[in-house]
Amino acid sequence: MKTTPQHNKRVAEMTFAAVYPHYVAKVEKKGRTKEELHQVIEWLTGFNESKVQEMINTNVTFETFFEKAELNPKAELIKGVICGYRIEEIDNVLTKQVRYLDKLIDELAKGRKMEKILRE
């Protein structure tokens, strides 16, 4: 499934603050913790908990969020399908980065071991 320019624009303009509570609810509903969520976010982006809170407080878009991130070099190892899209086939860099985050959070919620999530 190919992403469209409209889809990519919508992803870029979404705010991290709007999606973050859904991430927390998803992992907590499945028995994982907010701390584990932050560990996953930090692994992917380099953002510690206070930086994540700053991103929420300033209501940054995903575009700004990932512009400021230092993406983990192992992020390219994140593969599979998320939200109907095969990550490896997404050609828009920002949309791919957002889907990396979605996939990691999905793996966390599904009970995958942290070493596997963090590609260790």
N, C-alpha and C. Protein backbone atom coordinates (compact mmCIF):
# COMPACT_ATOMS: atom_id res chain seq x y z
N MET A 1 0.84 -1.18 0.00
CA MET A 1 0.00 0.00 0.00
C MET A 1 0.89 1.25 0.00
N LYS A 2 0.78 2.06 -0.99
CA LYS A 2 1.57 3.29 -1.12
C LYS A 2 0.91 4.43 -0.36
N THR A 3 1.73 5.27 0.25
CA THR A 3 1.17 6.45 0.90
C THR A 3 0.93 7.52 -0.18
N THR A 4 -0.04 8.36 0.06
CA THR A 4 -0.35 9.45 -0.87
C THR A 4 0.23 10.75 -0.34
N PRO A 5 0.41 11.74 -1.20
CA PRO A 5 0.89 13.04 -0.70
C PRO A 5 -0.03 13.62 0.38
N GLN A 6 -1.34 13.40 0.24
CA GLN A 6 -2.28 13.91 1.25
C GLN A 6 -2.06 13.20 2.59
N HIS A 7 -1.85 11.89 2.54
CA HIS A 7 -1.60 11.12 3.75
C HIS A 7 -0.32 11.61 4.42
N ASN A 8 0.74 11.79 3.64
CA ASN A 8 2.01 12.25 4.18
C ASN A 8 1.89 13.64 4.81
N LYS A 9 1.10 14.52 4.20
CA LYS A 9 0.89 15.86 4.73
C LYS A 9 0.13 15.80 6.05
N ARG A 10 -0.88 14.93 6.10
CA ARG A 10 -1.67 14.78 7.32
C ARG A 10 -0.80 14.25 8.46
N VAL A 11 0.08 13.29 8.17
CA VAL A 11 0.99 12.75 9.18
C VAL A 11 1.93 13.85 9.68
N ALA A 12 2.49 14.62 8.76
CA ALA A 12 3.43 15.68 9.12
C ALA A 12 2.79 16.74 10.02
N GLU A 13 1.51 17.03 9.78
CA GLU A 13 0.83 18.10 10.52
C GLU A 13 0.20 17.64 11.83
N MET A 14 0.13 16.33 12.06
CA MET A 14 -0.41 15.83 13.32
C MET A 14 0.53 16.23 14.45
N THR A 15 -0.03 16.57 15.60
CA THR A 15 0.84 16.93 16.72
C THR A 15 1.13 15.70 17.58
N PHE A 16 2.35 15.68 18.08
CA PHE A 16 2.76 14.60 18.97
C PHE A 16 1.89 14.59 20.22
N ALA A 17 1.55 15.77 20.73
CA ALA A 17 0.73 15.88 21.94
C ALA A 17 -0.64 15.24 21.76
N ALA A 18 -1.19 15.30 20.56
CA ALA A 18 -2.51 14.72 20.31
C ALA A 18 -2.47 13.19 20.29
N VAL A 19 -1.35 12.63 19.88
CA VAL A 19 -1.24 11.18 19.73
C VAL A 19 -0.68 10.51 20.99
N TYR A 20 0.16 11.23 21.71
CA TYR A 20 0.83 10.67 22.89
C TYR A 20 -0.12 10.01 23.90
N PRO A 21 -1.25 10.63 24.27
CA PRO A 21 -2.15 9.97 25.23
C PRO A 21 -2.67 8.61 24.70
N HIS A 22 -2.80 8.48 23.40
CA HIS A 22 -3.22 7.20 22.81
C HIS A 22 -2.13 6.15 22.96
N TYR A 23 -0.87 6.58 22.81
CA TYR A 23 0.25 5.66 23.03
C TYR A 23 0.24 5.15 24.47
N VAL A 24 0.09 6.07 25.42
CA VAL A 24 0.08 5.70 26.84
C VAL A 24 -1.07 4.74 27.12
N ALA A 25 -2.26 5.08 26.66
CA ALA A 25 -3.44 4.23 26.90
C ALA A 25 -3.25 2.84 26.29
N LYS A 26 -2.69 2.78 25.10
CA LYS A 26 -2.51 1.50 24.42
C LYS A 26 -1.57 0.58 25.21
N VAL A 27 -0.44 1.11 25.65
CA VAL A 27 0.51 0.24 26.36
C VAL A 27 0.02 -0.10 27.76
N GLU A 28 -0.60 0.85 28.45
CA GLU A 28 -1.09 0.58 29.81
C GLU A 28 -2.25 -0.41 29.79
N LYS A 29 -3.09 -0.34 28.77
CA LYS A 29 -4.21 -1.27 28.65
C LYS A 29 -3.71 -2.71 28.52
N LYS A 30 -2.52 -2.86 27.96
CA LYS A 30 -1.95 -4.18 27.76
C LYS A 30 -0.95 -4.57 28.85
N GLY A 31 -0.94 -3.80 29.96
CA GLY A 31 -0.11 -4.16 31.10
C GLY A 31 1.33 -3.68 31.04
N ARG A 32 1.65 -2.82 30.09
CA ARG A 32 2.99 -2.25 30.03
C ARG A 32 2.95 -0.88 30.71
N THR A 33 4.11 -0.28 30.92
CA THR A 33 4.17 0.96 31.68
C THR A 33 4.54 2.17 30.82
N LYS A 34 4.23 3.33 31.39
CA LYS A 34 4.61 4.58 30.75
C LYS A 34 6.13 4.69 30.67
N GLU A 35 6.81 4.15 31.68
CA GLU A 35 8.28 4.17 31.69
C GLU A 35 8.83 3.35 30.53
N GLU A 36 8.20 2.21 30.26
CA GLU A 36 8.64 1.39 29.12
C GLU A 36 8.37 2.13 27.80
N LEU A 37 7.25 2.82 27.73
CA LEU A 37 6.94 3.63 26.55
C LEU A 37 8.03 4.67 26.34
N HIS A 38 8.42 5.34 27.41
CA HIS A 38 9.46 6.37 27.31
C HIS A 38 10.80 5.76 26.92
N GLN A 39 11.06 4.56 27.38
CA GLN A 39 12.30 3.88 27.00
C GLN A 39 12.32 3.63 25.48
N VAL A 40 11.20 3.22 24.94
CA VAL A 40 11.08 2.97 23.51
C VAL A 40 11.23 4.28 22.72
N ILE A 41 10.56 5.34 23.18
CA ILE A 41 10.66 6.63 22.50
C ILE A 41 12.10 7.15 22.54
N GLU A 42 12.75 7.00 23.70
CA GLU A 42 14.13 7.47 23.82
C GLU A 42 15.07 6.67 22.91
N TRP A 43 14.85 5.36 22.83
CA TRP A 43 15.69 4.54 21.96
C TRP A 43 15.59 5.01 20.51
N LEU A 44 14.38 5.29 20.05
CA LEU A 44 14.18 5.68 18.66
C LEU A 44 14.65 7.11 18.39
N THR A 45 14.35 8.04 19.29
CA THR A 45 14.53 9.47 19.00
C THR A 45 15.68 10.14 19.74
N GLY A 46 16.12 9.53 20.84
CA GLY A 46 17.12 10.18 21.69
C GLY A 46 16.50 11.12 22.72
N PHE A 47 15.18 11.26 22.72
CA PHE A 47 14.50 12.16 23.66
C PHE A 47 14.28 11.49 25.01
N ASN A 48 14.81 12.11 26.07
CA ASN A 48 14.52 11.60 27.41
C ASN A 48 13.13 12.07 27.82
N GLU A 49 12.72 11.69 29.01
CA GLU A 49 11.36 11.99 29.46
C GLU A 49 11.06 13.49 29.49
N SER A 50 12.03 14.29 29.94
CA SER A 50 11.78 15.74 30.01
C SER A 50 11.69 16.34 28.60
N LYS A 51 12.43 15.82 27.65
CA LYS A 51 12.35 16.31 26.27
C LYS A 51 11.01 15.91 25.64
N VAL A 52 10.53 14.71 25.94
CA VAL A 52 9.22 14.28 25.46
C VAL A 52 8.15 15.22 26.01
N GLN A 53 8.25 15.56 27.31
CA GLN A 53 7.29 16.47 27.92
C GLN A 53 7.36 17.85 27.28
N GLU A 54 8.56 18.29 26.95
CA GLU A 54 8.72 19.58 26.27
C GLU A 54 8.03 19.55 24.90
N MET A 55 8.17 18.44 24.18
CA MET A 55 7.52 18.30 22.86
C MET A 55 6.00 18.35 23.01
N ILE A 56 5.50 17.76 24.08
CA ILE A 56 4.06 17.79 24.34
C ILE A 56 3.62 19.22 24.68
N ASN A 57 4.36 19.85 25.59
CA ASN A 57 4.00 21.20 26.05
C ASN A 57 4.03 22.24 24.93
N THR A 58 4.94 22.07 23.99
CA THR A 58 5.06 23.04 22.89
C THR A 58 4.20 22.63 21.69
N ASN A 59 3.50 21.51 21.82
CA ASN A 59 2.54 21.08 20.80
C ASN A 59 3.15 20.96 19.40
N VAL A 60 4.34 20.33 19.34
CA VAL A 60 5.03 20.21 18.06
C VAL A 60 4.33 19.21 17.14
N THR A 61 4.48 19.45 15.85
CA THR A 61 3.98 18.49 14.86
C THR A 61 4.96 17.33 14.79
N PHE A 62 4.52 16.23 14.18
CA PHE A 62 5.44 15.11 13.99
C PHE A 62 6.62 15.53 13.12
N GLU A 63 6.39 16.45 12.20
CA GLU A 63 7.49 16.93 11.35
C GLU A 63 8.59 17.55 12.22
N THR A 64 8.21 18.44 13.12
CA THR A 64 9.18 19.07 14.02
C THR A 64 9.77 18.06 14.99
N PHE A 65 8.93 17.18 15.50
CA PHE A 65 9.37 16.15 16.44
C PHE A 65 10.53 15.35 15.84
N PHE A 66 10.36 14.87 14.62
CA PHE A 66 11.41 14.06 14.01
C PHE A 66 12.56 14.88 13.45
N GLU A 67 12.34 16.15 13.15
CA GLU A 67 13.46 17.02 12.75
C GLU A 67 14.43 17.19 13.91
N LYS A 68 13.88 17.25 15.13
CA LYS A 68 14.71 17.46 16.32
C LYS A 68 15.30 16.16 16.86
N ALA A 69 14.77 15.04 16.42
CA ALA A 69 15.22 13.73 16.92
C ALA A 69 16.55 13.32 16.30
N GLU A 70 17.28 12.51 17.05
CA GLU A 70 18.46 11.83 16.51
C GLU A 70 18.06 10.37 16.38
N LEU A 71 17.61 10.01 15.21
CA LEU A 71 17.07 8.67 14.99
C LEU A 71 18.14 7.60 15.22
N ASN A 72 17.76 6.59 15.95
CA ASN A 72 18.67 5.48 16.23
C ASN A 72 19.07 4.82 14.90
N PRO A 73 20.37 4.56 14.71
CA PRO A 73 20.81 3.92 13.46
C PRO A 73 20.17 2.55 13.23
N LYS A 74 19.76 1.89 14.31
CA LYS A 74 19.13 0.57 14.17
C LYS A 74 17.65 0.66 13.78
N ALA A 75 17.13 1.88 13.64
CA ALA A 75 15.72 2.04 13.28
C ALA A 75 15.40 1.35 11.96
N GLU A 76 16.38 1.27 11.08
CA GLU A 76 16.16 0.62 9.79
C GLU A 76 15.83 -0.87 9.94
N LEU A 77 16.11 -1.43 11.09
CA LEU A 77 15.79 -2.84 11.35
C LEU A 77 14.32 -3.05 11.67
N ILE A 78 13.57 -1.96 11.85
CA ILE A 78 12.14 -2.06 12.15
C ILE A 78 11.40 -2.35 10.85
N LYS A 79 10.79 -3.50 10.80
CA LYS A 79 10.11 -3.94 9.59
C LYS A 79 8.72 -4.45 9.94
N GLY A 80 7.89 -4.65 8.93
CA GLY A 80 6.58 -5.22 9.15
C GLY A 80 5.48 -4.28 8.72
N VAL A 81 4.26 -4.66 9.06
CA VAL A 81 3.09 -3.89 8.66
C VAL A 81 2.51 -3.17 9.87
N ILE A 82 2.21 -1.90 9.68
CA ILE A 82 1.56 -1.11 10.72
C ILE A 82 0.57 -0.17 10.04
N CYS A 83 -0.63 -0.12 10.55
CA CYS A 83 -1.69 0.74 10.00
C CYS A 83 -1.92 0.46 8.51
N GLY A 84 -1.74 -0.78 8.10
CA GLY A 84 -1.98 -1.16 6.71
C GLY A 84 -0.83 -0.88 5.77
N TYR A 85 0.28 -0.38 6.28
CA TYR A 85 1.43 -0.04 5.44
C TYR A 85 2.62 -0.91 5.81
N ARG A 86 3.31 -1.45 4.80
CA ARG A 86 4.56 -2.18 5.03
C ARG A 86 5.64 -1.12 5.17
N ILE A 87 6.26 -1.06 6.34
CA ILE A 87 7.22 -0.01 6.65
C ILE A 87 8.34 0.07 5.62
N GLU A 88 8.84 -1.06 5.20
CA GLU A 88 9.96 -1.08 4.26
C GLU A 88 9.61 -0.43 2.91
N GLU A 89 8.33 -0.35 2.59
CA GLU A 89 7.90 0.18 1.29
C GLU A 89 7.49 1.65 1.34
N ILE A 90 7.51 2.26 2.51
CA ILE A 90 7.12 3.67 2.63
C ILE A 90 8.28 4.52 2.12
N ASP A 91 8.01 5.37 1.14
CA ASP A 91 9.09 6.16 0.56
C ASP A 91 9.23 7.56 1.18
N ASN A 92 8.21 8.05 1.85
CA ASN A 92 8.30 9.35 2.51
C ASN A 92 9.03 9.16 3.85
N VAL A 93 10.13 9.87 4.03
CA VAL A 93 10.99 9.68 5.21
C VAL A 93 10.23 9.94 6.51
N LEU A 94 9.51 11.04 6.59
CA LEU A 94 8.79 11.37 7.82
C LEU A 94 7.71 10.34 8.13
N THR A 95 6.93 9.96 7.14
CA THR A 95 5.88 8.95 7.37
C THR A 95 6.51 7.65 7.84
N LYS A 96 7.65 7.28 7.28
CA LYS A 96 8.34 6.06 7.71
C LYS A 96 8.77 6.18 9.17
N GLN A 97 9.29 7.34 9.57
CA GLN A 97 9.73 7.53 10.95
C GLN A 97 8.56 7.43 11.93
N VAL A 98 7.43 8.03 11.57
CA VAL A 98 6.25 7.95 12.42
C VAL A 98 5.79 6.50 12.53
N ARG A 99 5.83 5.77 11.44
CA ARG A 99 5.43 4.36 11.46
C ARG A 99 6.42 3.50 12.25
N TYR A 100 7.71 3.88 12.26
CA TYR A 100 8.67 3.20 13.13
C TYR A 100 8.19 3.30 14.57
N LEU A 101 7.84 4.52 14.99
CA LEU A 101 7.37 4.73 16.36
C LEU A 101 6.10 3.93 16.62
N ASP A 102 5.16 3.97 15.69
CA ASP A 102 3.92 3.21 15.83
C ASP A 102 4.20 1.72 16.00
N LYS A 103 5.12 1.21 15.20
CA LYS A 103 5.44 -0.23 15.23
C LYS A 103 6.07 -0.61 16.57
N LEU A 104 6.99 0.21 17.06
CA LEU A 104 7.63 -0.08 18.35
C LEU A 104 6.60 -0.10 19.47
N ILE A 105 5.68 0.86 19.45
CA ILE A 105 4.65 0.92 20.48
C ILE A 105 3.70 -0.27 20.36
N ASP A 106 3.40 -0.67 19.15
CA ASP A 106 2.57 -1.85 18.92
C ASP A 106 3.25 -3.10 19.48
N GLU A 107 4.55 -3.24 19.23
CA GLU A 107 5.30 -4.39 19.76
C GLU A 107 5.31 -4.38 21.28
N LEU A 108 5.47 -3.20 21.87
CA LEU A 108 5.44 -3.07 23.33
C LEU A 108 4.09 -3.52 23.87
N ALA A 109 3.02 -3.04 23.25
CA ALA A 109 1.67 -3.38 23.70
C ALA A 109 1.37 -4.87 23.53
N LYS A 110 1.99 -5.50 22.55
CA LYS A 110 1.75 -6.93 22.31
C LYS A 110 2.58 -7.82 23.23
N GLY A 111 3.37 -7.20 24.11
CA GLY A 111 4.11 -7.98 25.09
C GLY A 111 5.48 -8.46 24.64
N ARG A 112 5.96 -7.93 23.55
CA ARG A 112 7.28 -8.35 23.06
C ARG A 112 8.34 -7.94 24.08
N LYS A 113 9.40 -8.73 24.19
CA LYS A 113 10.47 -8.43 25.13
C LYS A 113 11.20 -7.16 24.70
N MET A 114 11.61 -6.37 25.69
CA MET A 114 12.25 -5.09 25.41
C MET A 114 13.52 -5.24 24.57
N GLU A 115 14.30 -6.30 24.78
CA GLU A 115 15.52 -6.49 23.98
C GLU A 115 15.19 -6.61 22.49
N LYS A 116 14.09 -7.29 22.21
CA LYS A 116 13.68 -7.46 20.81
C LYS A 116 13.14 -6.15 20.24
N ILE A 117 12.34 -5.42 21.03
CA ILE A 117 11.80 -4.15 20.59
C ILE A 117 12.94 -3.18 20.24
N LEU A 118 13.96 -3.17 21.09
CA LEU A 118 15.08 -2.24 20.92
C LEU A 118 16.17 -2.79 19.99
N ARG A 119 15.84 -3.87 19.32
CA ARG A 119 16.73 -4.46 18.31
C ARG A 119 18.14 -4.71 18.83
N GLU A 120 18.23 -5.27 20.06
CA GLU A 120 19.54 -5.55 20.66
C GLU A 120 20.06 -6.91 20.28
